[in-house]
N, C-alpha and C. Protein backbone atom coordinates (compact mmCIF):
# COMPACT_ATOMS: atom_id res chain seq x y z
N MET A 1 -16.94 -6.63 -72.84
CA MET A 1 -16.58 -7.29 -71.99
C MET A 1 -16.05 -8.26 -72.01
N SER A 2 -14.64 -8.71 -72.41
CA SER A 2 -14.19 -10.30 -72.05
C SER A 2 -14.47 -10.98 -71.08
N GLU A 3 -14.56 -12.35 -71.12
CA GLU A 3 -14.66 -13.64 -70.18
C GLU A 3 -13.37 -13.78 -69.90
N GLU A 4 -13.00 -13.67 -68.30
CA GLU A 4 -11.68 -14.02 -68.03
C GLU A 4 -12.34 -15.56 -66.95
N ASN A 5 -11.00 -15.96 -67.13
CA ASN A 5 -11.23 -17.11 -66.20
C ASN A 5 -10.19 -16.95 -64.96
N VAL A 6 -11.39 -16.33 -64.02
CA VAL A 6 -11.27 -15.70 -62.56
C VAL A 6 -11.76 -16.82 -61.75
N LYS A 7 -10.77 -17.10 -60.56
CA LYS A 7 -10.53 -18.38 -59.88
C LYS A 7 -11.18 -17.99 -58.79
N ASN A 8 -12.30 -18.62 -58.45
CA ASN A 8 -12.98 -18.36 -57.25
C ASN A 8 -11.65 -18.51 -56.07
N PRO A 9 -11.82 -17.60 -54.88
CA PRO A 9 -11.02 -18.01 -53.73
C PRO A 9 -11.72 -19.15 -53.48
N MET A 10 -12.74 -19.23 -52.90
CA MET A 10 -13.54 -20.57 -52.42
C MET A 10 -13.23 -22.11 -52.82
N ASP A 11 -12.51 -21.89 -53.97
CA ASP A 11 -12.81 -23.01 -54.85
C ASP A 11 -11.47 -23.73 -54.51
N LEU A 12 -11.63 -24.45 -53.54
CA LEU A 12 -9.87 -25.00 -52.55
C LEU A 12 -9.14 -26.16 -53.37
N ASN A 13 -9.61 -26.88 -54.11
CA ASN A 13 -9.35 -27.71 -55.01
C ASN A 13 -9.02 -27.84 -56.35
N GLY A 14 -9.35 -26.32 -56.84
CA GLY A 14 -9.39 -26.04 -57.99
C GLY A 14 -10.12 -26.19 -59.18
N ASP A 15 -11.25 -27.01 -58.79
CA ASP A 15 -11.91 -27.72 -59.87
C ASP A 15 -12.88 -27.00 -60.44
N GLY A 16 -13.32 -25.96 -60.48
CA GLY A 16 -13.62 -25.20 -61.14
C GLY A 16 -15.50 -24.80 -60.21
N LYS A 17 -15.68 -25.43 -59.58
CA LYS A 17 -16.85 -25.58 -59.04
C LYS A 17 -16.73 -25.24 -57.14
N VAL A 18 -17.41 -24.93 -56.61
CA VAL A 18 -17.17 -24.22 -55.21
C VAL A 18 -18.27 -25.11 -54.62
N THR A 19 -18.16 -25.98 -53.58
CA THR A 19 -18.75 -27.23 -52.95
C THR A 19 -19.38 -26.34 -51.55
N LEU A 20 -20.23 -27.08 -51.05
CA LEU A 20 -20.43 -26.57 -49.67
C LEU A 20 -19.29 -26.35 -48.54
N ASP A 21 -18.87 -28.08 -48.80
CA ASP A 21 -17.55 -28.35 -48.11
C ASP A 21 -16.57 -27.43 -48.14
N GLU A 22 -16.35 -26.97 -49.33
CA GLU A 22 -15.42 -26.01 -49.60
C GLU A 22 -15.51 -24.45 -48.81
N ARG A 23 -16.92 -24.01 -49.18
CA ARG A 23 -17.44 -22.77 -48.57
C ARG A 23 -17.06 -22.95 -47.04
N VAL A 24 -17.66 -24.41 -46.53
CA VAL A 24 -17.60 -24.11 -44.66
C VAL A 24 -15.40 -24.07 -44.62
N LYS A 25 -14.96 -24.92 -45.70
CA LYS A 25 -13.49 -24.62 -44.94
C LYS A 25 -13.01 -23.24 -45.10
N TYR A 26 -13.13 -22.69 -46.18
CA TYR A 26 -13.08 -21.45 -46.53
C TYR A 26 -13.48 -20.43 -45.70
N ALA A 27 -14.69 -20.71 -45.11
CA ALA A 27 -15.11 -19.24 -43.90
C ALA A 27 -14.32 -19.98 -42.59
N ALA A 28 -14.16 -20.87 -42.43
CA ALA A 28 -13.08 -21.58 -41.09
C ALA A 28 -11.64 -20.88 -41.43
N GLY A 29 -11.23 -21.30 -42.26
CA GLY A 29 -10.03 -20.34 -42.91
C GLY A 29 -9.39 -18.86 -42.68
N LYS A 30 -10.95 -18.37 -42.97
CA LYS A 30 -11.06 -16.47 -43.44
C LYS A 30 -11.04 -16.36 -41.51
N ALA A 31 -12.01 -16.78 -40.96
CA ALA A 31 -11.91 -17.26 -39.12
C ALA A 31 -10.86 -17.20 -38.56
N ASN A 32 -10.11 -18.34 -39.15
CA ASN A 32 -9.22 -18.73 -38.07
C ASN A 32 -8.08 -17.35 -38.51
N GLU A 33 -8.16 -16.74 -39.60
CA GLU A 33 -6.99 -15.64 -39.52
C GLU A 33 -7.31 -14.41 -38.71
N LYS A 34 -8.71 -14.71 -38.71
CA LYS A 34 -9.48 -12.83 -38.03
C LYS A 34 -9.12 -13.31 -36.47
N ILE A 35 -9.18 -14.68 -36.27
CA ILE A 35 -8.90 -14.94 -34.78
C ILE A 35 -7.02 -14.97 -34.36
N ASP A 36 -6.53 -15.15 -35.28
CA ASP A 36 -5.06 -15.11 -35.04
C ASP A 36 -4.32 -13.87 -35.12
N ALA A 37 -5.21 -13.11 -35.89
CA ALA A 37 -4.55 -11.72 -35.83
C ALA A 37 -5.23 -11.20 -34.45
N ALA A 38 -6.66 -11.37 -33.70
CA ALA A 38 -6.77 -10.61 -32.63
C ALA A 38 -6.04 -11.36 -31.26
N MET A 39 -5.36 -12.16 -31.64
CA MET A 39 -4.44 -13.03 -30.06
C MET A 39 -3.33 -12.73 -30.55
N GLY A 40 -3.11 -12.11 -31.53
CA GLY A 40 -1.72 -11.16 -31.86
C GLY A 40 -1.42 -9.75 -31.47
N LYS A 41 -3.09 -8.99 -31.34
CA LYS A 41 -2.49 -8.21 -30.90
C LYS A 41 -3.09 -8.15 -29.56
N LEU A 42 -3.97 -8.96 -28.97
CA LEU A 42 -4.16 -9.44 -27.47
C LEU A 42 -2.67 -9.67 -26.91
N LYS A 43 -1.99 -10.19 -27.83
CA LYS A 43 -0.52 -10.67 -26.82
C LYS A 43 0.09 -9.54 -26.84
N GLU A 44 0.16 -8.48 -27.90
CA GLU A 44 0.94 -7.27 -28.03
C GLU A 44 0.13 -6.52 -26.88
N GLU A 45 -1.40 -6.20 -26.90
CA GLU A 45 -1.23 -5.53 -25.56
C GLU A 45 -1.25 -6.00 -24.05
N ALA A 46 -1.53 -7.06 -23.79
CA ALA A 46 -1.33 -7.73 -22.90
C ALA A 46 0.49 -7.69 -22.62
N ILE A 47 1.20 -7.43 -23.25
CA ILE A 47 2.66 -7.68 -23.02
C ILE A 47 3.15 -5.89 -22.45
N GLU A 48 1.78 -4.76 -23.32
CA GLU A 48 2.27 -2.95 -23.07
C GLU A 48 1.45 -3.32 -22.03
N THR A 49 0.38 -3.58 -21.46
CA THR A 49 -0.06 -3.72 -20.27
C THR A 49 0.76 -4.16 -18.84
N ALA A 50 1.25 -5.59 -19.28
CA ALA A 50 2.23 -5.46 -17.82
C ALA A 50 3.10 -4.71 -17.43
N GLY A 51 3.79 -4.47 -18.73
CA GLY A 51 4.80 -3.79 -18.76
C GLY A 51 4.39 -2.26 -17.43
N LYS A 52 3.16 -1.56 -18.43
CA LYS A 52 2.25 -0.47 -17.86
C LYS A 52 2.54 -0.81 -16.27
N ALA A 53 1.85 -2.02 -15.90
CA ALA A 53 1.34 -2.50 -14.92
C ALA A 53 3.03 -2.18 -13.94
N LYS A 54 4.11 -2.82 -14.82
CA LYS A 54 5.33 -3.51 -13.50
C LYS A 54 5.98 -1.78 -13.37
N GLU A 55 5.09 -0.68 -14.10
CA GLU A 55 5.86 0.30 -14.02
C GLU A 55 5.12 1.46 -13.08
N VAL A 56 3.72 1.21 -13.03
CA VAL A 56 2.99 1.34 -11.77
C VAL A 56 3.95 1.32 -10.61
N TYR A 57 3.47 -0.31 -10.28
CA TYR A 57 4.31 -1.14 -8.98
C TYR A 57 5.68 -0.53 -8.83
N ALA A 58 6.24 -0.52 -9.26
CA ALA A 58 7.57 0.19 -8.90
C ALA A 58 7.99 1.81 -8.38
N LYS A 59 6.86 2.74 -8.90
CA LYS A 59 6.18 3.65 -8.49
C LYS A 59 5.77 4.03 -7.25
N ALA A 60 4.90 2.50 -7.16
CA ALA A 60 3.82 2.80 -6.09
C ALA A 60 5.01 2.12 -4.72
N ALA A 61 6.13 1.49 -5.29
CA ALA A 61 6.55 0.73 -3.93
C ALA A 61 7.91 1.74 -3.95
N ASP A 62 8.06 2.56 -4.83
CA ASP A 62 9.08 4.12 -4.18
C ASP A 62 8.10 4.43 -3.14
N LYS A 63 7.18 5.07 -3.41
CA LYS A 63 6.11 6.13 -3.20
C LYS A 63 5.88 5.32 -1.51
N ALA A 64 5.86 4.09 -1.54
CA ALA A 64 5.46 3.27 -0.13
C ALA A 64 7.00 3.46 0.78
N LYS A 65 7.98 3.23 -0.26
CA LYS A 65 9.57 3.35 0.94
C LYS A 65 9.14 5.07 1.52
N ASP A 66 9.21 5.76 0.47
CA ASP A 66 9.26 7.18 1.02
C ASP A 66 8.27 7.85 2.07
N VAL A 67 6.86 7.05 1.87
CA VAL A 67 5.77 7.58 3.03
C VAL A 67 6.41 6.66 4.65
N TYR A 68 7.20 5.34 4.29
CA TYR A 68 7.37 4.54 5.32
C TYR A 68 8.81 4.86 6.13
N GLY A 69 9.63 5.79 5.28
CA GLY A 69 10.85 6.40 5.85
C GLY A 69 10.35 7.75 6.91
N LYS A 70 9.63 8.33 6.14
CA LYS A 70 8.95 9.44 6.67
C LYS A 70 8.40 9.37 7.48
N ALA A 71 7.54 8.43 7.77
CA ALA A 71 6.96 7.75 8.85
C ALA A 71 7.84 7.27 10.42
N ALA A 72 8.50 6.39 9.83
CA ALA A 72 9.58 5.63 10.48
C ALA A 72 10.51 7.31 11.29
N GLU A 73 10.87 8.38 10.49
CA GLU A 73 11.42 9.69 11.18
C GLU A 73 10.37 10.15 12.42
N LYS A 74 9.10 10.47 11.86
CA LYS A 74 8.20 10.95 12.17
C LYS A 74 7.77 10.26 13.86
N ALA A 75 8.27 8.94 13.77
CA ALA A 75 7.81 8.06 14.89
C ALA A 75 9.08 8.18 15.70
N LYS A 76 10.18 8.56 15.32
CA LYS A 76 11.60 8.98 16.37
C LYS A 76 11.35 10.29 17.17
N ASP A 77 11.11 10.90 16.21
CA ASP A 77 10.63 12.31 16.85
C ASP A 77 9.62 12.12 18.00
N VAL A 78 8.73 11.84 17.38
CA VAL A 78 7.28 11.51 18.52
C VAL A 78 8.25 10.62 19.73
N TYR A 79 8.81 9.47 19.60
CA TYR A 79 9.61 8.71 20.44
C TYR A 79 10.45 9.71 21.72
N ALA A 80 11.02 10.44 20.89
CA ALA A 80 12.25 11.13 21.86
C ALA A 80 11.42 12.21 22.69
N ASP A 81 10.14 12.85 21.70
CA ASP A 81 9.56 13.74 22.93
C ASP A 81 9.02 13.43 23.85
N ALA A 82 8.44 12.00 23.52
CA ALA A 82 7.44 11.62 24.41
C ALA A 82 9.07 11.08 25.59
N LYS A 83 9.67 10.43 25.38
CA LYS A 83 10.76 10.19 26.28
C LYS A 83 11.29 10.95 27.27
N GLU A 84 11.51 12.53 26.49
CA GLU A 84 11.94 13.35 27.41
C GLU A 84 10.70 14.27 27.82
N GLY A 85 9.57 14.00 27.77
CA GLY A 85 8.32 14.34 28.44
C GLY A 85 8.53 13.85 29.65
N ALA A 86 8.54 12.17 29.48
CA ALA A 86 8.56 11.39 30.68
C ALA A 86 9.65 11.57 31.68
N THR A 87 10.87 11.47 31.22
CA THR A 87 11.70 12.38 31.93
C THR A 87 11.17 13.20 32.58
N LYS A 88 11.09 14.37 32.14
CA LYS A 88 10.60 15.99 32.74
C LYS A 88 9.36 15.51 33.41
N ALA A 89 8.41 14.24 33.51
CA ALA A 89 7.66 14.30 34.44
C ALA A 89 7.98 13.14 35.78
N ALA A 90 8.96 12.24 35.43
CA ALA A 90 9.50 11.63 36.69
C ALA A 90 10.52 12.56 37.53
N SER A 91 10.64 13.70 36.80
CA SER A 91 11.77 14.52 37.54
C SER A 91 11.07 15.36 38.82
N LYS A 92 9.62 15.91 38.10
CA LYS A 92 8.84 16.72 38.62
C LYS A 92 8.10 16.08 39.68
N ALA A 93 7.73 14.72 39.23
CA ALA A 93 6.91 13.86 40.01
C ALA A 93 7.98 13.70 41.75
N LYS A 94 9.72 13.75 41.62
CA LYS A 94 10.75 13.55 42.43
C LYS A 94 10.38 14.60 43.29
N GLU A 95 10.65 15.88 42.41
CA GLU A 95 10.38 17.32 43.18
C GLU A 95 9.08 17.50 44.34
N VAL A 96 7.91 16.92 43.62
CA VAL A 96 6.82 17.02 44.83
C VAL A 96 6.94 16.22 45.55
N TYR A 97 7.18 15.12 45.36
CA TYR A 97 7.07 13.82 46.21
C TYR A 97 7.90 14.48 47.31
N ALA A 98 9.40 14.87 47.06
CA ALA A 98 10.74 15.48 47.96
C ALA A 98 9.40 16.48 49.22
N GLU A 99 9.14 17.76 47.58
CA GLU A 99 8.16 18.57 49.11
C GLU A 99 7.47 17.90 49.72
N ALA A 100 6.49 17.10 48.94
CA ALA A 100 5.23 16.66 50.29
C ALA A 100 6.06 15.77 51.60
N LYS A 101 7.08 15.04 51.33
CA LYS A 101 7.67 14.62 52.11
C LYS A 101 8.55 15.63 53.40
N GLU A 102 8.88 17.07 52.94
CA GLU A 102 9.15 17.93 53.91
C GLU A 102 8.21 18.10 54.32
N ASP A 103 7.18 18.70 53.71
CA ASP A 103 5.65 19.05 54.37
C ASP A 103 5.26 18.25 55.58
N VAL A 104 5.10 16.84 55.21
CA VAL A 104 4.45 15.85 55.95
C VAL A 104 5.52 16.08 57.06
N ALA A 105 6.75 16.31 57.12
CA ALA A 105 7.66 16.10 58.37
C ALA A 105 7.25 17.62 59.39
N GLU A 106 7.29 18.32 58.62
CA GLU A 106 6.97 19.58 58.94
C GLU A 106 5.72 19.63 59.85
N ALA A 107 4.97 19.47 59.11
CA ALA A 107 3.60 19.22 59.81
C ALA A 107 3.49 18.09 61.39
N ALA A 108 4.53 17.13 60.98
CA ALA A 108 4.37 16.10 61.98
C ALA A 108 5.13 16.84 63.37
N GLU A 109 6.35 18.02 62.84
CA GLU A 109 6.65 18.26 63.68
C GLU A 109 5.88 19.66 64.59
N LYS A 110 5.13 20.04 63.83
CA LYS A 110 4.90 21.14 64.02
C LYS A 110 3.26 20.61 65.31
N ALA A 111 2.60 19.12 65.10
CA ALA A 111 2.11 18.42 65.67
C ALA A 111 2.42 18.23 67.11
N LYS A 112 3.39 17.84 66.62
CA LYS A 112 4.18 16.89 68.11
C LYS A 112 4.32 18.04 68.89
N ALA A 113 4.78 19.30 68.43
CA ALA A 113 5.47 20.47 69.56
C ALA A 113 3.75 20.90 69.73
N LEU A 114 2.67 20.73 69.54
CA LEU A 114 1.26 21.38 69.99
C LEU A 114 0.98 20.28 70.74
N LEU A 115 1.26 18.90 70.33
CA LEU A 115 1.11 17.86 71.97
C LEU A 115 1.78 17.99 72.81
N ASP A 116 3.38 18.12 72.49
CA ASP A 116 3.93 18.14 73.75
C ASP A 116 3.88 19.61 74.57
N LYS A 117 3.06 20.96 73.86
CA LYS A 117 2.73 21.81 74.86
C LYS A 117 1.19 21.85 75.45
N ASN A 118 0.48 21.11 74.80
CA ASN A 118 -0.73 20.72 75.46
C ASN A 118 -0.80 19.63 76.85
N LYS A 119 0.59 19.04 76.55
CA LYS A 119 0.45 18.24 77.82
C LYS A 119 1.21 18.68 78.62
N LYS A 120 2.05 20.05 78.68
CA LYS A 120 2.56 20.58 79.81
C LYS A 120 1.52 21.31 80.32
N GLU A 121 0.49 22.00 79.69
CA GLU A 121 -0.57 22.91 79.92
C GLU A 121 -1.72 22.19 80.90
N ALA A 122 -1.48 21.12 80.65
CA ALA A 122 -2.60 20.20 81.26
C ALA A 122 -2.51 19.57 82.59
């Protein structure tokens, strides 16, 4: 095997010797490369996640509008039914009042006639 002059990547100044300072700087450079790569990946994932969140929000907003619309329609129906029921109840109450008034008047007449009869007999 022939001797080749292979440069050590940690020999930053190219003097053929690798010092502790060069090792530290080399390791820091490699760590920085890995951090940059990880940060790039995190940024991509954050952008993707934000996009998905926006889609989910849009779907939820649409669903909420749909549910609100259905609830509003149901509330209108319930209100209409309640109004109709209240109108019927008021009408029935008037009828019952009129009948009761007639019954009271009739009872008063009968009572007066009975009193008159009793006065004449007495």
